[in-house]
Amino acid sequence: MQQPLAYLNGELVPGDQAVLPVSDAGIVQGATVSETLRTFGHQLFRLDEHLQRFTDSLAMVGFELGLDSAGLAGVCQDLVAHNSIAIDTENDLGMVLFATAGPYATYSGDVAGTAEPRPTVCAHTFPLPFELWDQLQAEGLHLVTPSVRQLPGTCIDPSIKHRSRLHYYLADREAKRTAAGARAVLLDDQGRLTETTAASLLLVSGHRILSPPSTSVLPSISVAVIAELAGQLDLEFVEQDLRPEDVGLADEALVASTPYCLAPVTRFNDQPVGTGRPGPIRDRLLVAWDQLVGLDIRKQIREGAESRRGALVSLGEHGEQQT
């Protein structure tokens, strides 16, 4: 099998050689901005929008990569062209693009600070793990509001997509202690709903799709797609402050994220959302998304998960025969 490649600081290297030194500020301080993309039919989806958000984040944190959007696009497309060869036509790739502040002077030996800071730039792909989302699509997600709060905008501008996210890790740990399999959705310091640790949150009320204001959360590429699809389906897309009590009044709740696009939330703080089952607006939106990208998203997830489970069973049986 052809080994996947990764991009690291101007070079294409085997994926297992794309490593960062322990002195990199991305490790020492979490000083990292990132993007996660995916392919449909082995073509990157909304590449321009992802790169615009990435370059906006770079500008806000002051990272100078020496690559413009066209150069970054070429890197991403070249990686997908190479790494897609190793997967079949029914599967797709995820891609991570990130940049760190580069060497951290104290640990890298440049204690005088005389060297020009050079950010670390990396891009790599991974087969989309459909088995993680099969049950999520079929049964929905349980969201919990933990005691851990979202970082206020006075600390980090919410429009920066970054990896300084220990608070997300702590929030999910608390959520899982509350209910097995639950994920956290964080409140801000005013008690308003923001986003989950891995996705944007939306509520459905009648024919209205409600989103937290884009100025208070990460501007989501997936939510932008949903807003477009809503217009095609005669649904109203509204940005407004949302609070936990609004979830109990909603007909449906949804999470949106690049890898799996859109999924239902069927429980919130151990109470059912709407009927407690995936709802019709989620179905309509996903069918429209299917038409946009030219494949059945839920079918791809379901069949990809079944294929992965079958491969694991075969591997286990093969291992037993060898012992």
C-alpha atoms as a PDB file:
ATOM      1  CA  MET A   1       0.000   0.000   0.000  1.00  0.00           C
ATOM      2  CA  GLN A   2       1.249   3.456  -0.899  1.00  0.00           C
ATOM      3  CA  GLN A   3       2.294   5.331   2.249  1.00  0.00           C
ATOM      4  CA  PRO A   4       0.451   8.603   2.839  1.00  0.00           C
ATOM      5  CA  LEU A   5       2.497  11.771   2.686  1.00  0.00           C
ATOM      6  CA  ALA A   6       2.382  14.846   4.886  1.00  0.00           C
ATOM      7  CA  TYR A   7       3.565  18.402   4.332  1.00  0.00           C
ATOM      8  CA  LEU A   8       6.014  19.751   6.906  1.00  0.00           C
ATOM      9  CA  ASN A   9       7.825  23.080   6.553  1.00  0.00           C
ATOM     10  CA  GLY A  10       8.079  23.094   2.783  1.00  0.00           C
ATOM     11  CA  GLU A  11       8.651  19.374   2.205  1.00  0.00           C
ATOM     12  CA  LEU A  12       6.493  16.358   1.465  1.00  0.00           C
ATOM     13  CA  VAL A  13       7.528  13.598   3.856  1.00  0.00           C
ATOM     14  CA  PRO A  14       6.181  10.146   4.795  1.00  0.00           C
ATOM     15  CA  GLY A  15       3.311  10.646   7.210  1.00  0.00           C
ATOM     16  CA  ASP A  16       5.057   8.931  10.122  1.00  0.00           C
ATOM     17  CA  GLN A  17       7.961  11.390   9.789  1.00  0.00           C
ATOM     18  CA  ALA A  18       5.792  14.502  10.208  1.00  0.00           C
ATOM     19  CA  VAL A  19       6.823  15.144  13.802  1.00  0.00           C
ATOM     20  CA  LEU A  20       7.377  18.272  15.889  1.00  0.00           C
ATOM     21  CA  PRO A  21      10.284  18.805  18.296  1.00  0.00           C
ATOM     22  CA  VAL A  22       9.404  18.985  21.981  1.00  0.00           C
ATOM     23  CA  SER A  23      10.605  22.615  21.930  1.00  0.00           C
ATOM     24  CA  ASP A  24       7.934  23.709  19.425  1.00  0.00           C
ATOM     25  CA  ALA A  25       5.623  26.395  20.827  1.00  0.00           C
ATOM     26  CA  GLY A  26       2.656  24.408  19.584  1.00  0.00           C
ATOM     27  CA  ILE A  27       3.542  21.805  22.199  1.00  0.00           C
ATOM     28  CA  VAL A  28       4.920  24.113  24.884  1.00  0.00           C
ATOM     29  CA  GLN A  29       2.144  26.727  24.774  1.00  0.00           C
ATOM     30  CA  GLY A  30      -0.525  25.318  22.485  1.00  0.00           C
ATOM     31  CA  ALA A  31       0.271  28.268  20.195  1.00  0.00           C
ATOM     32  CA  THR A  32      -1.381  26.709  17.153  1.00  0.00           C
ATOM     33  CA  VAL A  33      -4.017  27.665  14.605  1.00  0.00           C
ATOM     34  CA  SER A  34      -5.619  24.941  12.544  1.00  0.00           C
ATOM     35  CA  GLU A  35      -8.234  23.889  10.025  1.00  0.00           C
ATOM     36  CA  THR A  36      -9.975  20.557   9.491  1.00  0.00           C
ATOM     37  CA  LEU A  37     -11.247  19.792   5.997  1.00  0.00           C
ATOM     38  CA  ARG A  38     -12.725  16.769   4.271  1.00  0.00           C
ATOM     39  CA  THR A  39     -13.190  15.457   0.760  1.00  0.00           C
ATOM     40  CA  PHE A  40     -16.300  14.371  -1.091  1.00  0.00           C
ATOM     41  CA  GLY A  41     -15.469  12.127  -4.012  1.00  0.00           C
ATOM     42  CA  HIS A  42     -11.791  12.782  -3.214  1.00  0.00           C
ATOM     43  CA  GLN A  43     -12.226  16.524  -3.782  1.00  0.00           C
ATOM     44  CA  LEU A  44     -11.737  18.974  -0.920  1.00  0.00           C
ATOM     45  CA  PHE A  45     -15.014  20.599   0.119  1.00  0.00           C
ATOM     46  CA  ARG A  46     -15.153  24.385   0.504  1.00  0.00           C
ATOM     47  CA  LEU A  47     -11.369  24.664   0.324  1.00  0.00           C
ATOM     48  CA  ASP A  48     -11.406  28.419  -0.334  1.00  0.00           C
ATOM     49  CA  GLU A  49     -13.589  29.111   2.708  1.00  0.00           C
ATOM     50  CA  HIS A  50     -11.405  26.999   4.985  1.00  0.00           C
ATOM     51  CA  LEU A  51      -8.245  28.684   3.749  1.00  0.00           C
ATOM     52  CA  GLN A  52      -9.786  32.125   4.225  1.00  0.00           C
ATOM     53  CA  ARG A  53     -10.584  31.296   7.853  1.00  0.00           C
ATOM     54  CA  PHE A  54      -7.102  29.858   8.297  1.00  0.00           C
ATOM     55  CA  THR A  55      -5.344  32.912   6.881  1.00  0.00           C
ATOM     56  CA  ASP A  56      -7.580  35.197   8.952  1.00  0.00           C
ATOM     57  CA  SER A  57      -6.519  33.280  12.077  1.00  0.00           C
ATOM     58  CA  LEU A  58      -2.867  33.502  11.041  1.00  0.00           C
ATOM     59  CA  ALA A  59      -3.150  37.262  10.660  1.00  0.00           C
ATOM     60  CA  MET A  60      -4.733  37.680  14.098  1.00  0.00           C
ATOM     61  CA  VAL A  61      -1.992  35.697  15.857  1.00  0.00           C
ATOM     62  CA  GLY A  62       0.825  37.163  13.741  1.00  0.00           C
ATOM     63  CA  PHE A  63       2.157  33.990  12.073  1.00  0.00           C
ATOM     64  CA  GLU A  64       4.000  34.693   8.796  1.00  0.00           C
ATOM     65  CA  LEU A  65       4.161  31.451   6.813  1.00  0.00           C
ATOM     66  CA  GLY A  66       5.653  32.611   3.543  1.00  0.00           C
ATOM     67  CA  LEU A  67       2.750  30.864   1.778  1.00  0.00           C
ATOM     68  CA  ASP A  68      -0.297  32.643   0.393  1.00  0.00           C
ATOM     69  CA  SER A  69      -3.720  31.046  -0.050  1.00  0.00           C
ATOM     70  CA  ALA A  70      -2.838  29.766  -3.525  1.00  0.00           C
ATOM     71  CA  GLY A  71       0.290  28.086  -2.183  1.00  0.00           C
ATOM     72  CA  LEU A  72      -1.623  26.507   0.701  1.00  0.00           C
ATOM     73  CA  ALA A  73      -4.314  25.323  -1.705  1.00  0.00           C
ATOM     74  CA  GLY A  74      -1.677  23.650  -3.849  1.00  0.00           C
ATOM     75  CA  VAL A  75      -0.231  21.855  -0.823  1.00  0.00           C
ATOM     76  CA  CYS A  76      -3.655  20.583   0.217  1.00  0.00           C
ATOM     77  CA  GLN A  77      -4.644  19.459  -3.261  1.00  0.00           C
ATOM     78  CA  ASP A  78      -1.331  17.696  -3.881  1.00  0.00           C
ATOM     79  CA  LEU A  79      -1.651  15.770  -0.614  1.00  0.00           C
ATOM     80  CA  VAL A  80      -5.180  14.651  -1.409  1.00  0.00           C
ATOM     81  CA  ALA A  81      -4.207  13.613  -4.935  1.00  0.00           C
ATOM     82  CA  HIS A  82      -1.425  11.416  -3.563  1.00  0.00           C
ATOM     83  CA  ASN A  83      -3.119  10.041  -0.446  1.00  0.00           C
ATOM     84  CA  SER A  84      -6.465   9.284  -2.115  1.00  0.00           C
ATOM     85  CA  ILE A  85      -4.764   6.616  -4.220  1.00  0.00           C
ATOM     86  CA  ALA A  86      -4.628   4.323  -1.185  1.00  0.00           C
ATOM     87  CA  ILE A  87      -8.392   4.438  -0.469  1.00  0.00           C
ATOM     88  CA  ASP A  88     -11.328   3.182  -2.523  1.00  0.00           C
ATOM     89  CA  THR A  89     -13.734   5.454  -4.351  1.00  0.00           C
ATOM     90  CA  GLU A  90     -16.482   5.044  -1.714  1.00  0.00           C
ATOM     91  CA  ASN A  91     -14.324   6.440   1.072  1.00  0.00           C
ATOM     92  CA  ASP A  92     -12.991   9.923   1.685  1.00  0.00           C
ATOM     93  CA  LEU A  93     -10.234  11.701   3.560  1.00  0.00           C
ATOM     94  CA  GLY A  94     -10.096  14.195   6.360  1.00  0.00           C
ATOM     95  CA  MET A  95      -7.319  16.753   6.321  1.00  0.00           C
ATOM     96  CA  VAL A  96      -5.712  18.792   9.082  1.00  0.00           C
ATOM     97  CA  LEU A  97      -3.782  21.960   8.276  1.00  0.00           C
ATOM     98  CA  PHE A  98      -2.043  23.708  11.137  1.00  0.00           C
ATOM     99  CA  ALA A  99       0.657  26.229  11.966  1.00  0.00           C
ATOM    100  CA  THR A 100       2.446  26.814  15.255  1.00  0.00           C
ATOM    101  CA  ALA A 101       4.534  29.719  16.529  1.00  0.00           C
ATOM    102  CA  GLY A 102       7.640  27.618  15.871  1.00  0.00           C
ATOM    103  CA  PRO A 103      10.588  27.057  18.232  1.00  0.00           C
ATOM    104  CA  TYR A 104      10.069  28.144  21.825  1.00  0.00           C
ATOM    105  CA  ALA A 105      13.224  30.092  22.675  1.00  0.00           C
ATOM    106  CA  THR A 106      13.752  28.813  26.224  1.00  0.00           C
ATOM    107  CA  TYR A 107      13.805  25.175  25.144  1.00  0.00           C
ATOM    108  CA  SER A 108      15.250  25.534  21.646  1.00  0.00           C
ATOM    109  CA  GLY A 109      18.518  27.129  22.820  1.00  0.00           C
ATOM    110  CA  ASP A 110      17.863  30.600  21.396  1.00  0.00           C
ATOM    111  CA  VAL A 111      17.598  32.190  24.837  1.00  0.00           C
ATOM    112  CA  ALA A 112      18.858  35.512  23.502  1.00  0.00           C
ATOM    113  CA  GLY A 113      15.977  35.584  21.038  1.00  0.00           C
ATOM    114  CA  THR A 114      18.305  36.436  18.148  1.00  0.00           C
ATOM    115  CA  ALA A 115      16.889  33.980  15.613  1.00  0.00           C
ATOM    116  CA  GLU A 116      13.974  35.083  13.436  1.00  0.00           C
ATOM    117  CA  PRO A 117      10.871  33.141  14.567  1.00  0.00           C
ATOM    118  CA  ARG A 118       9.798  30.667  11.913  1.00  0.00           C
ATOM    119  CA  PRO A 119       6.364  29.111  12.286  1.00  0.00           C
ATOM    120  CA  THR A 120       5.969  25.378  11.862  1.00  0.00           C
ATOM    121  CA  VAL A 121       3.527  24.493   9.061  1.00  0.00           C
ATOM    122  CA  CYS A 122       2.055  21.029   8.642  1.00  0.00           C
ATOM    123  CA  ALA A 123      -0.738  19.347   6.694  1.00  0.00           C
ATOM    124  CA  HIS A 124      -1.734  15.693   6.871  1.00  0.00           C
ATOM    125  CA  THR A 125      -4.680  13.495   5.928  1.00  0.00           C
ATOM    126  CA  PHE A 126      -6.499  10.606   7.567  1.00  0.00           C
ATOM    127  CA  PRO A 127      -9.208   8.153   6.436  1.00  0.00           C
ATOM    128  CA  LEU A 128     -12.529   9.431   7.754  1.00  0.00           C
ATOM    129  CA  PRO A 129     -13.477   7.248  10.776  1.00  0.00           C
ATOM    130  CA  PHE A 130     -17.087   6.608   9.811  1.00  0.00           C
ATOM    131  CA  GLU A 131     -17.546   4.104  12.652  1.00  0.00           C
ATOM    132  CA  LEU A 132     -17.396   7.024  15.101  1.00  0.00           C
ATOM    133  CA  TRP A 133     -20.480   8.653  13.573  1.00  0.00           C
ATOM    134  CA  ASP A 134     -22.742   5.745  12.590  1.00  0.00           C
ATOM    135  CA  GLN A 135     -24.566   5.553  15.919  1.00  0.00           C
ATOM    136  CA  LEU A 136     -24.481   9.343  16.226  1.00  0.00           C
ATOM    137  CA  GLN A 137     -26.421   9.736  12.975  1.00  0.00           C
ATOM    138  CA  ALA A 138     -28.892   6.987  13.834  1.00  0.00           C
ATOM    139  CA  GLU A 139     -29.603   7.799  17.483  1.00  0.00           C
ATOM    140  CA  GLY A 140     -28.301  11.295  18.141  1.00  0.00           C
ATOM    141  CA  LEU A 141     -25.969  12.907  20.639  1.00  0.00           C
ATOM    142  CA  HIS A 142     -26.425  13.606  24.338  1.00  0.00           C
ATOM    143  CA  LEU A 143     -25.131  17.085  25.222  1.00  0.00           C
ATOM    144  CA  VAL A 144     -24.351  18.238  28.754  1.00  0.00           C
ATOM    145  CA  THR A 145     -23.563  21.736  30.048  1.00  0.00           C
ATOM    146  CA  PRO A 146     -20.546  21.311  32.369  1.00  0.00           C
ATOM    147  CA  SER A 147     -19.216  23.710  34.966  1.00  0.00           C
ATOM    148  CA  VAL A 148     -16.289  24.526  32.647  1.00  0.00           C
ATOM    149  CA  ARG A 149     -17.071  27.725  30.727  1.00  0.00           C
ATOM    150  CA  GLN A 150     -16.049  28.914  27.286  1.00  0.00           C
ATOM    151  CA  LEU A 151     -13.018  31.191  27.120  1.00  0.00           C
ATOM    152  CA  PRO A 152     -14.212  34.800  26.970  1.00  0.00           C
ATOM    153  CA  GLY A 153     -13.439  36.823  23.872  1.00  0.00           C
ATOM    154  CA  THR A 154     -11.222  39.084  25.965  1.00  0.00           C
ATOM    155  CA  CYS A 155      -8.850  36.102  26.302  1.00  0.00           C
ATOM    156  CA  ILE A 156      -8.978  34.644  22.789  1.00  0.00           C
ATOM    157  CA  ASP A 157     -11.042  36.035  19.918  1.00  0.00           C
ATOM    158  CA  PRO A 158     -13.643  33.321  19.122  1.00  0.00           C
ATOM    159  CA  SER A 159     -13.061  33.770  15.390  1.00  0.00           C
ATOM    160  CA  ILE A 160      -9.554  32.240  15.753  1.00  0.00           C
ATOM    161  CA  LYS A 161      -9.597  28.486  15.168  1.00  0.00           C
ATOM    162  CA  HIS A 162      -6.889  27.370  17.558  1.00  0.00           C
ATOM    163  CA  ARG A 163      -5.712  24.398  19.602  1.00  0.00           C
ATOM    164  CA  SER A 164      -5.351  26.019  23.016  1.00  0.00           C
ATOM    165  CA  ARG A 165      -8.191  23.814  24.225  1.00  0.00           C
ATOM    166  CA  LEU A 166      -7.459  22.219  27.571  1.00  0.00           C
ATOM    167  CA  HIS A 167     -10.804  23.614  28.742  1.00  0.00           C
ATOM    168  CA  TYR A 168     -12.540  21.531  26.037  1.00  0.00           C
ATOM    169  CA  TYR A 169     -10.805  18.407  27.289  1.00  0.00           C
ATOM    170  CA  LEU A 170     -11.849  19.145  30.867  1.00  0.00           C
ATOM    171  CA  ALA A 171     -15.415  19.933  29.796  1.00  0.00           C
ATOM    172  CA  ASP A 172     -15.776  16.616  27.967  1.00  0.00           C
ATOM    173  CA  ARG A 173     -14.315  14.704  30.923  1.00  0.00           C
ATOM    174  CA  GLU A 174     -16.972  16.248  33.131  1.00  0.00           C
ATOM    175  CA  ALA A 175     -19.725  15.506  30.606  1.00  0.00           C
ATOM    176  CA  LYS A 176     -18.742  11.842  30.357  1.00  0.00           C
ATOM    177  CA  ARG A 177     -18.810  11.536  34.142  1.00  0.00           C
ATOM    178  CA  THR A 178     -22.344  12.912  34.042  1.00  0.00           C
ATOM    179  CA  ALA A 179     -23.586  10.494  31.358  1.00  0.00           C
ATOM    180  CA  ALA A 180     -21.800   7.789  29.395  1.00  0.00           C
ATOM    181  CA  GLY A 181     -21.161   8.897  25.818  1.00  0.00           C
ATOM    182  CA  ALA A 182     -22.202  12.506  26.439  1.00  0.00           C
ATOM    183  CA  ARG A 183     -20.316  15.489  25.055  1.00  0.00           C
ATOM    184  CA  ALA A 184     -20.026  18.978  26.463  1.00  0.00           C
ATOM    185  CA  VAL A 185     -21.650  22.131  25.131  1.00  0.00           C
ATOM    186  CA  LEU A 186     -20.092  25.141  26.805  1.00  0.00           C
ATOM    187  CA  LEU A 187     -21.806  28.183  28.248  1.00  0.00           C
ATOM    188  CA  ASP A 188     -20.162  31.587  28.187  1.00  0.00           C
ATOM    189  CA  ASP A 189     -19.707  33.773  31.260  1.00  0.00           C
ATOM    190  CA  GLN A 190     -23.244  35.120  30.747  1.00  0.00           C
ATOM    191  CA  GLY A 191     -24.805  31.648  30.723  1.00  0.00           C
ATOM    192  CA  ARG A 192     -25.422  31.626  26.965  1.00  0.00           C
ATOM    193  CA  LEU A 193     -24.899  28.545  24.807  1.00  0.00           C
ATOM    194  CA  THR A 194     -21.829  28.702  22.579  1.00  0.00           C
ATOM    195  CA  GLU A 195     -20.589  25.492  20.927  1.00  0.00           C
ATOM    196  CA  THR A 196     -19.623  21.934  21.707  1.00  0.00           C
ATOM    197  CA  THR A 197     -16.018  20.815  22.014  1.00  0.00           C
ATOM    198  CA  ALA A 198     -16.026  19.650  18.388  1.00  0.00           C
ATOM    199  CA  ALA A 199     -19.035  21.133  16.618  1.00  0.00           C
ATOM    200  CA  SER A 200     -21.395  24.059  16.255  1.00  0.00           C
ATOM    201  CA  LEU A 201     -24.804  23.950  17.940  1.00  0.00           C
ATOM    202  CA  LEU A 202     -28.114  24.787  16.252  1.00  0.00           C
ATOM    203  CA  LEU A 203     -31.728  24.657  17.416  1.00  0.00           C
ATOM    204  CA  VAL A 204     -34.852  24.149  15.308  1.00  0.00           C
ATOM    205  CA  SER A 205     -38.110  25.869  16.218  1.00  0.00           C
ATOM    206  CA  GLY A 206     -40.855  25.359  13.674  1.00  0.00           C
ATOM    207  CA  HIS A 207     -39.342  26.441  10.352  1.00  0.00           C
ATOM    208  CA  ARG A 208     -36.612  28.497  11.996  1.00  0.00           C
ATOM    209  CA  ILE A 209     -33.006  27.355  12.456  1.00  0.00           C
ATOM    210  CA  LEU A 210     -31.450  29.187  15.382  1.00  0.00           C
ATOM    211  CA  SER A 211     -27.719  29.758  15.794  1.00  0.00           C
ATOM    212  CA  PRO A 212     -25.668  31.618  18.390  1.00  0.00           C
ATOM    213  CA  PRO A 213     -24.433  34.928  16.932  1.00  0.00           C
ATOM    214  CA  SER A 214     -21.455  34.413  14.622  1.00  0.00           C
ATOM    215  CA  THR A 215     -19.618  37.156  16.529  1.00  0.00           C
ATOM    216  CA  SER A 216     -19.623  35.063  19.723  1.00  0.00           C
ATOM    217  CA  VAL A 217     -18.558  31.661  18.349  1.00  0.00           C
ATOM    218  CA  LEU A 218     -16.151  30.327  15.740  1.00  0.00           C
ATOM    219  CA  PRO A 219     -17.485  31.185  12.258  1.00  0.00           C
ATOM    220  CA  SER A 220     -18.423  27.709  11.071  1.00  0.00           C
ATOM    221  CA  ILE A 221     -18.066  26.598   7.447  1.00  0.00           C
ATOM    222  CA  SER A 222     -20.666  23.888   8.069  1.00  0.00           C
ATOM    223  CA  VAL A 223     -23.143  26.365   9.562  1.00  0.00           C
ATOM    224  CA  ALA A 224     -22.646  28.599   6.520  1.00  0.00           C
ATOM    225  CA  VAL A 225     -23.577  25.633   4.331  1.00  0.00           C
ATOM    226  CA  ILE A 226     -26.672  25.011   6.464  1.00  0.00           C
ATOM    227  CA  ALA A 227     -27.694  28.661   6.124  1.00  0.00           C
ATOM    228  CA  GLU A 228     -27.456  28.315   2.338  1.00  0.00           C
ATOM    229  CA  LEU A 229     -29.464  25.096   2.331  1.00  0.00           C
ATOM    230  CA  ALA A 230     -32.076  26.623   4.636  1.00  0.00           C
ATOM    231  CA  GLY A 231     -32.722  29.328   2.065  1.00  0.00           C
ATOM    232  CA  GLN A 232     -33.310  26.671  -0.599  1.00  0.00           C
ATOM    233  CA  LEU A 233     -35.748  24.812   1.679  1.00  0.00           C
ATOM    234  CA  ASP A 234     -37.796  27.873   2.710  1.00  0.00           C
ATOM    235  CA  LEU A 235     -36.414  27.664   6.232  1.00  0.00           C
ATOM    236  CA  GLU A 236     -35.458  30.801   8.124  1.00  0.00           C
ATOM    237  CA  PHE A 237     -31.920  31.006   9.501  1.00  0.00           C
ATOM    238  CA  VAL A 238     -31.654  33.260  12.536  1.00  0.00           C
ATOM    239  CA  GLU A 239     -28.706  34.272  14.720  1.00  0.00           C
ATOM    240  CA  GLN A 240     -29.647  35.038  18.312  1.00  0.00           C
ATOM    241  CA  ASP A 241     -28.515  34.450  21.862  1.00  0.00           C
ATOM    242  CA  LEU A 242     -29.445  30.952  23.017  1.00  0.00           C
ATOM    243  CA  ARG A 243     -29.725  29.698  26.578  1.00  0.00           C
ATOM    244  CA  PRO A 244     -30.135  26.207  28.049  1.00  0.00           C
ATOM    245  CA  GLU A 245     -33.877  26.681  28.560  1.00  0.00           C
ATOM    246  CA  ASP A 246     -34.262  27.282  24.804  1.00  0.00           C
ATOM    247  CA  VAL A 247     -33.209  23.690  24.129  1.00  0.00           C
ATOM    248  CA  GLY A 248     -36.186  22.384  26.100  1.00  0.00           C
ATOM    249  CA  LEU A 249     -38.515  24.483  23.925  1.00  0.00           C
ATOM    250  CA  ALA A 250     -36.919  23.445  20.622  1.00  0.00           C
ATOM    251  CA  ASP A 251     -38.341  20.891  18.206  1.00  0.00           C
ATOM    252  CA  GLU A 252     -34.867  19.670  17.308  1.00  0.00           C
ATOM    253  CA  ALA A 253     -31.241  20.350  18.143  1.00  0.00           C
ATOM    254  CA  LEU A 254     -28.366  19.775  15.743  1.00  0.00           C
ATOM    255  CA  VAL A 255     -24.580  19.736  15.708  1.00  0.00           C
ATOM    256  CA  ALA A 256     -22.617  20.690  12.594  1.00  0.00           C
ATOM    257  CA  SER A 257     -19.002  19.753  11.942  1.00  0.00           C
ATOM    258  CA  THR A 258     -16.869  19.331   8.834  1.00  0.00           C
ATOM    259  CA  PRO A 259     -16.171  15.560   9.081  1.00  0.00           C
ATOM    260  CA  TYR A 260     -19.786  14.332   9.464  1.00  0.00           C
ATOM    261  CA  CYS A 261     -21.574  17.506   8.301  1.00  0.00           C
ATOM    262  CA  LEU A 262     -24.728  17.427  10.424  1.00  0.00           C
ATOM    263  CA  ALA A 263     -26.091  15.196  13.189  1.00  0.00           C
ATOM    264  CA  PRO A 264     -29.022  15.250  15.632  1.00  0.00           C
ATOM    265  CA  VAL A 265     -28.924  16.020  19.339  1.00  0.00           C
ATOM    266  CA  THR A 266     -31.600  13.898  21.009  1.00  0.00           C
ATOM    267  CA  ARG A 267     -30.828  14.486  24.713  1.00  0.00           C
ATOM    268  CA  PHE A 268     -29.778  17.584  26.604  1.00  0.00           C
ATOM    269  CA  ASN A 269     -28.798  17.450  30.265  1.00  0.00           C
ATOM    270  CA  ASP A 270     -30.424  14.013  30.467  1.00  0.00           C
ATOM    271  CA  GLN A 271     -33.754  15.213  29.045  1.00  0.00           C
ATOM    272  CA  PRO A 272     -35.120  14.403  25.569  1.00  0.00           C
ATOM    273  CA  VAL A 273     -34.959  17.083  22.900  1.00  0.00           C
ATOM    274  CA  GLY A 274     -38.255  17.261  21.011  1.00  0.00           C
ATOM    275  CA  THR A 275     -39.415  13.688  20.493  1.00  0.00           C
ATOM    276  CA  GLY A 276     -36.065  12.319  21.605  1.00  0.00           C
ATOM    277  CA  ARG A 277     -35.423  11.050  18.073  1.00  0.00           C
ATOM    278  CA  PRO A 278     -33.780  12.591  14.983  1.00  0.00           C
ATOM    279  CA  GLY A 279     -36.236  15.031  13.424  1.00  0.00           C
ATOM    280  CA  PRO A 280     -37.541  15.985   9.981  1.00  0.00           C
ATOM    281  CA  ILE A 281     -35.601  19.246   9.564  1.00  0.00           C
ATOM    282  CA  ARG A 282     -32.330  17.353  10.065  1.00  0.00           C
ATOM    283  CA  ASP A 283     -33.493  14.935   7.354  1.00  0.00           C
ATOM    284  CA  ARG A 284     -34.367  17.705   4.915  1.00  0.00           C
ATOM    285  CA  LEU A 285     -31.078  19.491   5.454  1.00  0.00           C
ATOM    286  CA  LEU A 286     -29.006  16.340   4.987  1.00  0.00           C
ATOM    287  CA  VAL A 287     -30.853  15.368   1.806  1.00  0.00           C
ATOM    288  CA  ALA A 288     -30.101  18.846   0.446  1.00  0.00           C
ATOM    289  CA  TRP A 289     -26.456  18.428   1.503  1.00  0.00           C
ATOM    290  CA  ASP A 290     -26.394  15.065  -0.319  1.00  0.00           C
ATOM    291  CA  GLN A 291     -27.505  16.808  -3.491  1.00  0.00           C
ATOM    292  CA  LEU A 292     -24.890  19.524  -3.014  1.00  0.00           C
ATOM    293  CA  VAL A 293     -21.969  17.068  -2.806  1.00  0.00           C
ATOM    294  CA  GLY A 294     -23.317  14.285  -5.037  1.00  0.00           C
ATOM    295  CA  LEU A 295     -23.460  11.419  -2.534  1.00  0.00           C
ATOM    296  CA  ASP A 296     -25.611  10.054   0.285  1.00  0.00           C
ATOM    297  CA  ILE A 297     -23.751  11.194   3.418  1.00  0.00           C
ATOM    298  CA  ARG A 298     -25.567   8.930   5.886  1.00  0.00           C
ATOM    299  CA  LYS A 299     -25.192   5.936   3.564  1.00  0.00           C
ATOM    300  CA  GLN A 300     -21.456   6.597   3.242  1.00  0.00           C
ATOM    301  CA  ILE A 301     -21.124   6.741   7.032  1.00  0.00           C
ATOM    302  CA  ARG A 302     -23.225   3.594   7.541  1.00  0.00           C
ATOM    303  CA  GLU A 303     -21.463   1.531   4.887  1.00  0.00           C
ATOM    304  CA  GLY A 304     -18.043   2.845   5.877  1.00  0.00           C
ATOM    305  CA  ALA A 305     -18.699   1.840   9.482  1.00  0.00           C
ATOM    306  CA  GLU A 306     -19.877  -1.618   8.445  1.00  0.00           C
ATOM    307  CA  SER A 307     -16.808  -2.078   6.268  1.00  0.00           C
ATOM    308  CA  ARG A 308     -14.491  -1.058   9.118  1.00  0.00           C
ATOM    309  CA  ARG A 309     -16.226  -3.421  11.561  1.00  0.00           C
ATOM    310  CA  GLY A 310     -15.978  -6.241   9.033  1.00  0.00           C
ATOM    311  CA  ALA A 311     -12.286  -5.583   8.544  1.00  0.00           C
ATOM    312  CA  LEU A 312     -11.697  -5.697  12.303  1.00  0.00           C
ATOM    313  CA  VAL A 313     -13.559  -8.998  12.577  1.00  0.00           C
ATOM    314  CA  SER A 314     -11.476 -10.450   9.745  1.00  0.00           C
ATOM    315  CA  LEU A 315      -8.300  -9.194  11.370  1.00  0.00           C
ATOM    316  CA  GLY A 316      -9.307 -10.811  14.657  1.00  0.00           C
ATOM    317  CA  GLU A 317     -10.091 -14.107  12.983  1.00  0.00           C
ATOM    318  CA  HIS A 318      -6.828 -13.973  11.058  1.00  0.00           C
ATOM    319  CA  GLY A 319      -4.945 -13.296  14.275  1.00  0.00           C
ATOM    320  CA  GLU A 320      -6.599 -16.256  15.994  1.00  0.00           C
ATOM    321  CA  GLN A 321      -5.576 -18.534  13.155  1.00  0.00           C
ATOM    322  CA  GLN A 322      -1.974 -17.435  13.511  1.00  0.00           C
ATOM    323  CA  THR A 323      -1.730 -18.108  17.269  1.00  0.00           C
END
